[in-house]
Structure formats: C-alpha cells, structure tokens
Amino acid sequence: MKRSIAASSLVVLALALPGLASAKPNVTLKLTGSLVTKAADGRTTMTPVERIQPKAGDEIEYDIVASNAGTTPAVRLVPVGKIPAGTAYVDGSAKSARAHPEFSLDGGKTWSAAPTVTVKGPDGKPVVKKADPSLYTMVRFVTAGAVAPRASVAYTYEVRVK
C-alpha cells in the first residue's frame, strides 16, 4: 500500500511540474490623470485630464494601478511615473500602502528616496543639498512584498502645472 501511494505521488508531481513551469505573474499597469479642484466647502472634484486644458497652478493627480492577472505573485514590482514637462512634482504627494517612492533627477538613470544636488556655497565651495522637488523628472514605487495573483495595488502622485 505504501509503495502505491509513493508511486501515485510521483506521477501527480510529474504531471504538475509542466503547469508550474508555465505559471507566472501577468501584471498590467493603468495610468490615469485627474485635475484636482478643491471647493470652498472642502469638497474635492476630480476631472479626467482628457477633458480639460490644464493651466498654470492646476494640480493633477496621477494614479497607477498594477493588477496581477497571473497565477503566481509578482515580486519586485517597480512602477514608474513620469513628471510631465511643464509640471513640477508636489512634494510629499507620492503615496502607496504597499510601496515607498524614489525619485530621479535625470530621466530615470539614477534614483534616490531623497535626491540631492551639488551647488556652490557662499564661499564658492561645492555644497550638497536636498534637491528641490521641481527638479524631479520621474517617480518610481518600490513595492514591498509581492502582488498576489488576482490582486491590485494603487500608487498615486501629484504634479503642479508651471
């Protein structure tokens, strides 16, 4: 009896392995942008950017939704959002319950959670200081853990039109 259970287990395992080899995450990213309008009574209205002509001072919220339609968890997911030309990142607006933001000053070549720049100090010597968020060109979200099969994770950041 023990011998037949062991043999059956091997057959089931052998049949299951091809399915395991083809199992994989299948992540899709959806980006949406909305004009954020705050009314005097405190209510916020979101208008899709496709319906407006943004003007100086407008704030636009970008939402990235990562959905895993695959059969295995998606690990090391790092969605990236661009800071469009003519806009500036709104400091502190990058948020996600499952990730921490990092920023690039050079179009995605280098990344840091707190980018710095080197400027001339009063004495003419180079001084390293925190980069102004208006210099950010991209934001990425380093996801903690994995995105489970059939699950989604949301990421948000805002820009202000210059």
C-alpha atoms as a PDB file:
ATOM      1  CA  MET A   1       0.000   0.000   0.000  1.00  0.00           C
ATOM      2  CA  LYS A   2       2.789   2.453   0.883  1.00  0.00           C
ATOM      3  CA  ARG A   3       4.513   1.647  -2.387  1.00  0.00           C
ATOM      4  CA  SER A   4       1.415   2.558  -4.447  1.00  0.00           C
ATOM      5  CA  ILE A   5       0.945   5.923  -2.636  1.00  0.00           C
ATOM      6  CA  ALA A   6       4.566   6.843  -3.331  1.00  0.00           C
ATOM      7  CA  ALA A   7       4.226   5.888  -6.989  1.00  0.00           C
ATOM      8  CA  SER A   8       0.989   7.869  -7.300  1.00  0.00           C
ATOM      9  CA  SER A   9       2.628  10.909  -5.722  1.00  0.00           C
ATOM     10  CA  LEU A  10       5.434  10.797  -8.237  1.00  0.00           C
ATOM     11  CA  VAL A  11       3.011  10.644 -11.150  1.00  0.00           C
ATOM     12  CA  VAL A  12       0.976  13.559  -9.822  1.00  0.00           C
ATOM     13  CA  LEU A  13       4.139  15.560  -9.201  1.00  0.00           C
ATOM     14  CA  ALA A  14       5.445  14.815 -12.678  1.00  0.00           C
ATOM     15  CA  LEU A  15       2.128  15.895 -14.190  1.00  0.00           C
ATOM     16  CA  ALA A  16       2.061  19.059 -12.087  1.00  0.00           C
ATOM     17  CA  LEU A  17       5.572  20.230 -12.979  1.00  0.00           C
ATOM     18  CA  PRO A  18       4.760  21.328 -16.558  1.00  0.00           C
ATOM     19  CA  GLY A  19       1.994  23.542 -15.151  1.00  0.00           C
ATOM     20  CA  LEU A  20       4.388  25.030 -12.621  1.00  0.00           C
ATOM     21  CA  ALA A  21       6.910  25.853 -15.323  1.00  0.00           C
ATOM     22  CA  SER A  22       4.346  27.934 -17.211  1.00  0.00           C
ATOM     23  CA  ALA A  23       2.927  29.644 -14.112  1.00  0.00           C
ATOM     24  CA  LYS A  24       3.870  33.301 -13.970  1.00  0.00           C
ATOM     25  CA  PRO A  25       2.659  36.745 -12.942  1.00  0.00           C
ATOM     26  CA  ASN A  26       0.819  38.803 -15.547  1.00  0.00           C
ATOM     27  CA  VAL A  27       0.906  42.439 -14.439  1.00  0.00           C
ATOM     28  CA  THR A  28      -0.830  45.259 -16.253  1.00  0.00           C
ATOM     29  CA  LEU A  29      -0.415  48.916 -15.341  1.00  0.00           C
ATOM     30  CA  LYS A  30      -3.124  51.518 -15.846  1.00  0.00           C
ATOM     31  CA  LEU A  31      -2.283  55.229 -15.579  1.00  0.00           C
ATOM     32  CA  THR A  32      -4.991  57.848 -15.137  1.00  0.00           C
ATOM     33  CA  GLY A  33      -4.683  61.577 -14.530  1.00  0.00           C
ATOM     34  CA  SER A  34      -7.231  63.900 -12.963  1.00  0.00           C
ATOM     35  CA  LEU A  35      -7.379  67.622 -12.327  1.00  0.00           C
ATOM     36  CA  VAL A  36      -7.822  68.162  -8.580  1.00  0.00           C
ATOM     37  CA  THR A  37     -10.232  71.003  -7.783  1.00  0.00           C
ATOM     38  CA  LYS A  38     -10.844  71.934  -4.153  1.00  0.00           C
ATOM     39  CA  ALA A  39     -14.096  73.784  -3.441  1.00  0.00           C
ATOM     40  CA  ALA A  40     -14.547  76.376  -0.689  1.00  0.00           C
ATOM     41  CA  ASP A  41     -16.628  73.883   1.311  1.00  0.00           C
ATOM     42  CA  GLY A  42     -13.703  71.438   1.377  1.00  0.00           C
ATOM     43  CA  ARG A  43     -15.003  69.014  -1.233  1.00  0.00           C
ATOM     44  CA  THR A  44     -12.608  67.780  -3.903  1.00  0.00           C
ATOM     45  CA  THR A  45     -13.607  67.230  -7.522  1.00  0.00           C
ATOM     46  CA  MET A  46     -11.577  65.052  -9.863  1.00  0.00           C
ATOM     47  CA  THR A  47     -11.853  65.753 -13.612  1.00  0.00           C
ATOM     48  CA  PRO A  48     -10.086  63.432 -16.091  1.00  0.00           C
ATOM     49  CA  VAL A  49      -7.207  65.274 -17.798  1.00  0.00           C
ATOM     50  CA  GLU A  50      -8.547  64.235 -21.196  1.00  0.00           C
ATOM     51  CA  ARG A  51     -11.475  66.627 -20.642  1.00  0.00           C
ATOM     52  CA  ILE A  52      -9.516  69.750 -19.663  1.00  0.00           C
ATOM     53  CA  GLN A  53      -6.826  72.148 -20.816  1.00  0.00           C
ATOM     54  CA  PRO A  54      -4.600  72.495 -17.720  1.00  0.00           C
ATOM     55  CA  LYS A  55      -3.400  75.981 -16.779  1.00  0.00           C
ATOM     56  CA  ALA A  56      -0.653  77.293 -14.518  1.00  0.00           C
ATOM     57  CA  GLY A  57      -1.237  76.386 -10.879  1.00  0.00           C
ATOM     58  CA  ASP A  58      -3.522  73.409 -11.598  1.00  0.00           C
ATOM     59  CA  GLU A  59      -2.765  70.246  -9.658  1.00  0.00           C
ATOM     60  CA  ILE A  60      -3.031  66.923 -11.448  1.00  0.00           C
ATOM     61  CA  GLU A  61      -3.166  63.626  -9.595  1.00  0.00           C
ATOM     62  CA  TYR A  62      -1.778  60.576 -11.369  1.00  0.00           C
ATOM     63  CA  ASP A  63      -2.906  57.133 -10.297  1.00  0.00           C
ATOM     64  CA  ILE A  64      -1.134  53.958 -11.331  1.00  0.00           C
ATOM     65  CA  VAL A  65      -2.969  50.700 -10.688  1.00  0.00           C
ATOM     66  CA  ALA A  66      -0.952  47.496 -11.020  1.00  0.00           C
ATOM     67  CA  SER A  67      -3.124  44.397 -11.438  1.00  0.00           C
ATOM     68  CA  ASN A  68      -1.717  40.880 -11.382  1.00  0.00           C
ATOM     69  CA  ALA A  69      -3.934  38.641 -13.539  1.00  0.00           C
ATOM     70  CA  GLY A  70      -1.326  35.859 -13.390  1.00  0.00           C
ATOM     71  CA  THR A  71      -1.221  32.670 -11.396  1.00  0.00           C
ATOM     72  CA  THR A  72       1.829  33.473  -9.255  1.00  0.00           C
ATOM     73  CA  PRO A  73       2.810  36.511  -7.167  1.00  0.00           C
ATOM     74  CA  ALA A  74       4.570  39.425  -8.882  1.00  0.00           C
ATOM     75  CA  VAL A  75       7.745  40.158  -6.935  1.00  0.00           C
ATOM     76  CA  ARG A  76       9.995  43.221  -7.127  1.00  0.00           C
ATOM     77  CA  LEU A  77       7.329  45.296  -8.884  1.00  0.00           C
ATOM     78  CA  VAL A  78       8.544  48.859  -9.531  1.00  0.00           C
ATOM     79  CA  PRO A  79       6.028  51.006 -11.455  1.00  0.00           C
ATOM     80  CA  VAL A  80       7.422  54.282 -12.810  1.00  0.00           C
ATOM     81  CA  GLY A  81       5.566  57.533 -13.438  1.00  0.00           C
ATOM     82  CA  LYS A  82       6.861  60.463 -15.445  1.00  0.00           C
ATOM     83  CA  ILE A  83       6.711  64.047 -14.239  1.00  0.00           C
ATOM     84  CA  PRO A  84       5.469  65.665 -17.471  1.00  0.00           C
ATOM     85  CA  ALA A  85       7.336  68.609 -18.986  1.00  0.00           C
ATOM     86  CA  GLY A  86       5.808  71.893 -17.839  1.00  0.00           C
ATOM     87  CA  THR A  87       4.874  70.462 -14.434  1.00  0.00           C
ATOM     88  CA  ALA A  88       6.579  70.055 -11.059  1.00  0.00           C
ATOM     89  CA  TYR A  89       6.203  67.225  -8.559  1.00  0.00           C
ATOM     90  CA  VAL A  90       4.136  68.188  -5.481  1.00  0.00           C
ATOM     91  CA  ASP A  91       6.394  67.381  -2.527  1.00  0.00           C
ATOM     92  CA  GLY A  92       5.066  64.578  -0.320  1.00  0.00           C
ATOM     93  CA  SER A  93       2.293  63.524  -2.707  1.00  0.00           C
ATOM     94  CA  ALA A  94       3.708  60.108  -3.736  1.00  0.00           C
ATOM     95  CA  LYS A  95       1.734  57.505  -1.811  1.00  0.00           C
ATOM     96  CA  SER A  96       1.059  53.802  -1.752  1.00  0.00           C
ATOM     97  CA  ALA A  97       0.120  51.477   1.058  1.00  0.00           C
ATOM     98  CA  ARG A  98       2.497  48.834  -0.302  1.00  0.00           C
ATOM     99  CA  ALA A  99       5.499  50.781  -1.624  1.00  0.00           C
ATOM    100  CA  HIS A 100       7.949  53.587  -0.958  1.00  0.00           C
ATOM    101  CA  PRO A 101       8.703  56.264  -3.562  1.00  0.00           C
ATOM    102  CA  GLU A 102      12.051  57.073  -5.126  1.00  0.00           C
ATOM    103  CA  PHE A 103      12.792  59.968  -7.454  1.00  0.00           C
ATOM    104  CA  SER A 104      15.023  60.669 -10.431  1.00  0.00           C
ATOM    105  CA  LEU A 105      16.522  63.983 -11.498  1.00  0.00           C
ATOM    106  CA  ASP A 106      17.937  62.607 -14.758  1.00  0.00           C
ATOM    107  CA  GLY A 107      15.092  60.856 -16.565  1.00  0.00           C
ATOM    108  CA  GLY A 108      15.469  57.541 -14.747  1.00  0.00           C
ATOM    109  CA  LYS A 109      19.223  56.940 -14.914  1.00  0.00           C
ATOM    110  CA  THR A 110      19.651  57.278 -11.134  1.00  0.00           C
ATOM    111  CA  TRP A 111      17.176  57.044  -8.259  1.00  0.00           C
ATOM    112  CA  SER A 112      17.009  58.129  -4.631  1.00  0.00           C
ATOM    113  CA  ALA A 113      14.381  58.413  -1.905  1.00  0.00           C
ATOM    114  CA  ALA A 114      15.896  61.842  -1.141  1.00  0.00           C
ATOM    115  CA  PRO A 115      17.721  63.204  -4.224  1.00  0.00           C
ATOM    116  CA  THR A 116      20.499  65.728  -3.713  1.00  0.00           C
ATOM    117  CA  VAL A 117      22.244  68.287  -5.873  1.00  0.00           C
ATOM    118  CA  THR A 118      25.616  69.945  -5.553  1.00  0.00           C
ATOM    119  CA  VAL A 119      25.614  73.756  -5.598  1.00  0.00           C
ATOM    120  CA  LYS A 120      28.174  76.461  -4.892  1.00  0.00           C
ATOM    121  CA  GLY A 121      28.168  77.596  -1.313  1.00  0.00           C
ATOM    122  CA  PRO A 122      28.703  81.219  -0.211  1.00  0.00           C
ATOM    123  CA  ASP A 123      32.432  80.542  -0.079  1.00  0.00           C
ATOM    124  CA  GLY A 124      32.425  79.148  -3.646  1.00  0.00           C
ATOM    125  CA  LYS A 125      32.962  75.563  -2.477  1.00  0.00           C
ATOM    126  CA  PRO A 126      30.576  72.788  -3.522  1.00  0.00           C
ATOM    127  CA  VAL A 127      27.767  72.024  -1.081  1.00  0.00           C
ATOM    128  CA  VAL A 128      25.412  69.034  -1.284  1.00  0.00           C
ATOM    129  CA  LYS A 129      21.776  69.842  -0.507  1.00  0.00           C
ATOM    130  CA  LYS A 130      18.351  68.281  -0.914  1.00  0.00           C
ATOM    131  CA  ALA A 131      17.086  68.704  -4.469  1.00  0.00           C
ATOM    132  CA  ASP A 132      14.033  70.885  -4.956  1.00  0.00           C
ATOM    133  CA  PRO A 133      11.086  68.624  -5.923  1.00  0.00           C
ATOM    134  CA  SER A 134      10.560  70.822  -9.009  1.00  0.00           C
ATOM    135  CA  LEU A 135      13.725  69.155 -10.394  1.00  0.00           C
ATOM    136  CA  TYR A 136      12.268  65.637 -10.247  1.00  0.00           C
ATOM    137  CA  THR A 137      11.699  64.075 -13.674  1.00  0.00           C
ATOM    138  CA  MET A 138      10.292  60.701 -12.632  1.00  0.00           C
ATOM    139  CA  VAL A 139       8.890  58.870  -9.624  1.00  0.00           C
ATOM    140  CA  ARG A 140       9.004  55.134  -9.052  1.00  0.00           C
ATOM    141  CA  PHE A 141       7.389  52.998  -6.405  1.00  0.00           C
ATOM    142  CA  VAL A 142       9.408  50.137  -4.930  1.00  0.00           C
ATOM    143  CA  THR A 143       6.754  47.646  -3.885  1.00  0.00           C
ATOM    144  CA  ALA A 144       7.219  45.876  -0.566  1.00  0.00           C
ATOM    145  CA  GLY A 145       6.488  42.163  -0.776  1.00  0.00           C
ATOM    146  CA  ALA A 146       4.666  40.638  -3.713  1.00  0.00           C
ATOM    147  CA  VAL A 147       1.446  41.427  -5.533  1.00  0.00           C
ATOM    148  CA  ALA A 148      -0.669  38.300  -5.157  1.00  0.00           C
ATOM    149  CA  PRO A 149      -2.427  36.648  -8.090  1.00  0.00           C
ATOM    150  CA  ARG A 150      -5.747  38.375  -8.873  1.00  0.00           C
ATOM    151  CA  ALA A 151      -4.776  41.359  -6.685  1.00  0.00           C
ATOM    152  CA  SER A 152      -4.157  45.048  -7.411  1.00  0.00           C
ATOM    153  CA  VAL A 153      -2.011  47.757  -5.840  1.00  0.00           C
ATOM    154  CA  ALA A 154      -2.522  51.515  -6.264  1.00  0.00           C
ATOM    155  CA  TYR A 155       0.146  54.230  -6.436  1.00  0.00           C
ATOM    156  CA  THR A 156      -0.520  57.990  -6.509  1.00  0.00           C
ATOM    157  CA  TYR A 157       1.450  61.195  -7.065  1.00  0.00           C
ATOM    158  CA  GLU A 158       0.621  64.809  -7.907  1.00  0.00           C
ATOM    159  CA  VAL A 159       2.154  67.455 -10.127  1.00  0.00           C
ATOM    160  CA  ARG A 160       1.505  71.190 -10.407  1.00  0.00           C
ATOM    161  CA  VAL A 161       1.347  72.867 -13.814  1.00  0.00           C
ATOM    162  CA  LYS A 162       4.046  75.558 -14.127  1.00  0.00           C
END
